[in-house]
Protein backbone atom coordinates (compact mmCIF):
# COMPACT_ATOMS: atom_id res chain seq x y z
CA UNK A 1 6.66 8.40 -15.42
CA UNK A 2 7.22 5.48 -17.09
CA UNK A 3 4.86 2.61 -15.76
CA UNK A 4 6.96 0.01 -18.27
CA UNK A 5 10.02 0.80 -16.82
CA UNK A 6 9.96 -1.20 -14.13
CA UNK A 7 11.66 -4.56 -12.56
CA UNK A 8 12.53 -5.87 -9.25
CA UNK A 9 15.38 -4.23 -7.13
CA UNK A 10 15.51 -6.00 -3.51
CA UNK A 11 14.31 -7.56 -0.98
CA UNK A 12 15.01 -7.36 2.71
CA UNK A 13 13.64 -9.21 5.90
CA UNK A 14 15.95 -6.63 8.28
CA UNK A 15 15.49 -3.09 7.82
CA UNK A 16 18.88 -3.22 9.23
CA UNK A 17 20.28 -4.28 5.48
CA UNK A 18 18.06 -1.70 3.92
CA UNK A 19 20.57 0.35 2.21
CA UNK A 20 20.39 4.40 2.73
CA UNK A 21 18.24 6.11 0.27
CA UNK A 22 19.04 6.86 -2.89
CA UNK A 23 15.56 7.78 -4.31
CA UNK A 24 11.98 9.09 -4.52
CA UNK A 25 10.26 6.25 -2.72
CA UNK A 26 6.39 5.45 -2.85
CA UNK A 27 5.12 2.92 -0.52
CA UNK A 28 2.23 0.33 -0.50
CA UNK A 29 0.86 -0.50 2.63
CA UNK A 30 -1.96 -2.17 4.08
CA UNK A 31 -2.81 -6.18 5.78
CA UNK A 32 -2.18 -8.95 4.02
CA UNK A 33 -3.95 -10.02 1.13
CA UNK A 34 -5.82 -6.58 0.81
CA UNK A 35 -4.11 -6.62 -3.14
CA UNK A 36 -0.58 -4.73 -2.64
CA UNK A 37 1.15 -7.06 -5.33
CA UNK A 38 -1.80 -6.80 -7.93
CA UNK A 39 -2.40 -3.18 -7.74
CA UNK A 40 1.33 -2.61 -8.04
CA UNK A 41 1.29 -4.95 -10.77
CA UNK A 42 -1.87 -3.17 -12.54
CA UNK A 43 0.06 0.43 -12.10
CA UNK A 44 2.86 -1.04 -13.60
CA UNK A 45 1.05 -2.86 -16.68
CA UNK A 46 2.62 -5.92 -15.76
CA UNK A 47 1.05 -10.04 -14.46
CA UNK A 48 4.11 -11.14 -11.88
CA UNK A 49 6.37 -8.37 -10.69
CA UNK A 50 4.94 -8.33 -7.17
CA UNK A 51 4.09 -11.85 -6.55
CA UNK A 52 0.79 -12.55 -6.12
CA UNK A 53 -0.56 -14.93 -3.52
CA UNK A 54 -3.32 -15.90 -2.56
CA UNK A 55 -1.95 -17.54 0.99
CA UNK A 56 -2.20 -14.62 3.46
CA UNK A 57 1.17 -12.83 4.72
CA UNK A 58 2.92 -14.45 2.43
CA UNK A 59 5.06 -11.28 1.59
CA UNK A 60 7.35 -11.06 4.53
CA UNK A 61 9.83 -8.70 3.37
CA UNK A 62 9.96 -5.14 2.57
CA UNK A 63 10.55 -5.48 -1.95
CA UNK A 64 11.90 -2.61 -3.52
CA UNK A 65 10.73 -2.10 -7.54
CA UNK A 66 12.69 0.04 -9.61
CA UNK A 67 10.38 2.54 -11.77
CA UNK A 68 11.33 5.30 -13.97
CA UNK A 69 13.98 6.59 -11.07
CA UNK A 70 11.80 6.37 -8.15
CA UNK A 71 11.05 3.59 -5.85
CA UNK A 72 7.51 0.97 -5.63
CA UNK A 73 8.31 -0.21 -1.69
CA UNK A 74 6.03 -2.88 -1.30
CA UNK A 75 5.48 -3.39 3.14
CA UNK A 76 4.95 -7.18 4.48
CA UNK A 77 1.17 -6.99 4.87
CA UNK A 78 0.34 -6.93 8.60
CA UNK A 79 -2.73 -8.57 10.62
CA UNK A 80 -2.33 -11.88 9.47
CA UNK A 81 -3.46 -14.30 12.40
CA UNK A 82 -1.50 -17.68 11.89
CA UNK A 83 2.35 -16.90 12.18
CA UNK A 84 4.14 -16.66 15.50
CA UNK A 85 4.00 -13.52 17.62
CA UNK A 86 7.89 -13.31 17.09
CA UNK A 87 7.39 -13.07 12.88
CA UNK A 88 4.47 -10.31 13.87
CA UNK A 89 6.58 -8.15 15.95
CA UNK A 90 9.79 -9.08 13.38
CA UNK A 91 6.89 -7.40 9.79
CA UNK A 92 6.12 -4.89 12.66
CA UNK A 93 9.20 -3.46 13.27
CA UNK A 94 10.39 -3.79 9.59
CA UNK A 95 7.22 -1.67 8.97
CA UNK A 96 7.62 0.95 11.25
CA UNK A 97 11.18 1.19 10.99
CA UNK A 98 11.12 1.68 7.43
CA UNK A 99 8.44 4.89 7.48
CA UNK A 100 10.22 6.19 10.71
CA UNK A 101 13.43 6.29 9.21
CA UNK A 102 15.40 9.29 6.63
CA UNK A 103 13.66 7.97 3.34
CA UNK A 104 12.47 10.35 0.73
CA UNK A 105 8.88 8.46 1.23
CA UNK A 106 6.77 10.94 -1.22
CA UNK A 107 3.89 8.68 -0.24
CA UNK A 108 2.43 5.94 1.10
CA UNK A 109 -0.79 4.49 -0.65
CA UNK A 110 -2.98 2.47 2.48
CA UNK A 111 -4.68 -0.54 1.25
CA UNK A 112 -8.54 -1.62 2.51
CA UNK A 113 -10.77 -4.12 1.26
CA UNK A 114 -13.87 -2.05 0.35
CA UNK A 115 -15.96 -5.18 1.61
CA UNK A 116 -15.32 -4.56 5.19
CA UNK A 117 -15.40 -2.04 8.04
CA UNK A 118 -11.39 -1.45 8.08
CA UNK A 119 -9.58 -3.24 10.48
CA UNK A 120 -8.30 -2.66 14.10
CA UNK A 121 -4.99 -3.14 12.35
CA UNK A 122 -6.22 -0.73 9.11
CA UNK A 123 -7.25 2.46 11.69
CA UNK A 124 -3.84 2.11 14.07
CA UNK A 125 -2.03 2.02 10.31
CA UNK A 126 -3.95 5.41 9.48
CA UNK A 127 -3.62 7.12 13.01
CA UNK A 128 0.00 6.17 12.52
CA UNK A 129 0.02 7.87 9.28
CA UNK A 130 -1.88 11.52 11.13
CA UNK A 131 0.34 11.19 13.93
CA UNK A 132 3.24 11.36 12.30
CA UNK A 133 2.38 13.46 9.30
CA UNK A 134 3.00 11.34 7.22
CA UNK A 135 1.66 11.47 3.44
CA UNK A 136 -0.97 9.44 2.33
CA UNK A 137 -4.33 7.90 0.09
CA UNK A 138 -6.61 5.34 1.15
CA UNK A 139 -6.88 3.00 -1.62
CA UNK A 140 -10.19 0.85 -1.27
CA UNK A 141 -9.66 -2.37 -3.40
CA UNK A 142 -12.21 -5.48 -4.41
CA UNK A 143 -14.23 -2.48 -6.24
CA UNK A 144 -15.81 -4.62 -9.01
CA UNK A 145 -16.83 -7.14 -6.10
CA UNK A 146 -19.25 -4.93 -4.79
CA UNK A 147 -22.71 -3.63 -6.29
CA UNK A 148 -23.11 -0.02 -7.17
CA UNK A 149 -25.58 0.30 -3.85
CA UNK A 150 -23.27 -2.11 -2.21
CA UNK A 151 -20.28 -0.18 -2.68
CA UNK A 152 -22.07 3.39 -1.88
CA UNK A 153 -23.43 1.82 1.48
CA UNK A 154 -19.40 0.74 2.20
CA UNK A 155 -18.80 4.72 1.54
CA UNK A 156 -20.88 5.81 3.72
CA UNK A 157 -19.93 3.75 6.53
CA UNK A 158 -16.54 4.96 5.62
CA UNK A 159 -16.96 8.34 6.84
CA UNK A 160 -18.06 6.55 10.17
CA UNK A 161 -15.63 3.74 10.38
CA UNK A 162 -12.47 6.01 9.55
CA UNK A 163 -11.22 9.30 11.34
CA UNK A 164 -10.69 11.99 9.81
CA UNK A 165 -12.34 10.68 6.85
CA UNK A 166 -13.27 14.12 5.93
CA UNK A 167 -9.16 14.96 5.42
CA UNK A 168 -8.34 11.54 3.87
CA UNK A 169 -8.65 11.35 0.09
CA UNK A 170 -9.63 7.70 -1.14
CA UNK A 171 -9.58 6.07 -4.51
CA UNK A 172 -11.75 2.78 -5.23
CA UNK A 173 -9.98 0.43 -7.04
CA UNK A 174 -9.98 -2.68 -9.09
CA UNK A 175 -7.20 -4.83 -9.86
CA UNK A 176 -9.83 -6.69 -12.62
CA UNK A 177 -11.67 -3.67 -14.08
CA UNK A 178 -8.27 -1.73 -14.13
CA UNK A 179 -10.67 0.97 -11.54
CA UNK A 180 -8.88 3.69 -10.09
CA UNK A 181 -5.29 2.82 -12.15
CA UNK A 182 -5.27 6.41 -14.05
CA UNK A 183 -6.44 8.37 -10.86
CA UNK A 184 -3.52 6.08 -8.75
CA UNK A 185 -0.35 7.23 -11.96
CA UNK A 186 -1.52 11.13 -11.72
CA UNK A 187 -0.91 10.90 -7.63
CA UNK A 188 2.47 8.98 -8.51
CA UNK A 189 3.28 11.88 -11.34
CA UNK A 190 1.83 14.53 -9.43
CA UNK A 191 4.32 13.43 -6.07
CA UNK A 192 7.39 12.46 -8.27
CA UNK A 193 7.35 16.00 -10.54
CA UNK A 194 7.39 17.69 -7.58
CA UNK A 195 11.52 17.21 -6.66
């Protein structure tokens, strides 16, 4: 896949607005401010194709990016406390509606901040993906912010904190150093060539 051949395609605030699937899709999920947009930009060698914000809850829509015949789908971040219940429900409906629809989802990258234990929402999301047999990989973001020993400690803890961790592929990632980018691109190439 040519990762430089990428452009913003469309943005939807309501699941009913999303047109029927036209091509393979790779989705990016995670709590607010976990680094989804930064990860997408890093994979695509772009600085600001996906809008990055230091304000959590900025991505309140599903954003589609066209990448060499495949859609990268940036899902709204979940778990941000400072939005209304109605807005949280809209995000939840949007995410669940997307994931449970008859779309051609090849893979979901589930992002978790490596510095902290997974949140309750992270665990609910992983459980949802497992129960619905959706293919996913966990990406541990912000890896550069931990020392080697802190990382090893977090990796050990994740084994206890994340259910089915022994069956889940986890990749350490940093949008600052680029660690994990090649591995993520290899996975994307694998799943997009399976068609």
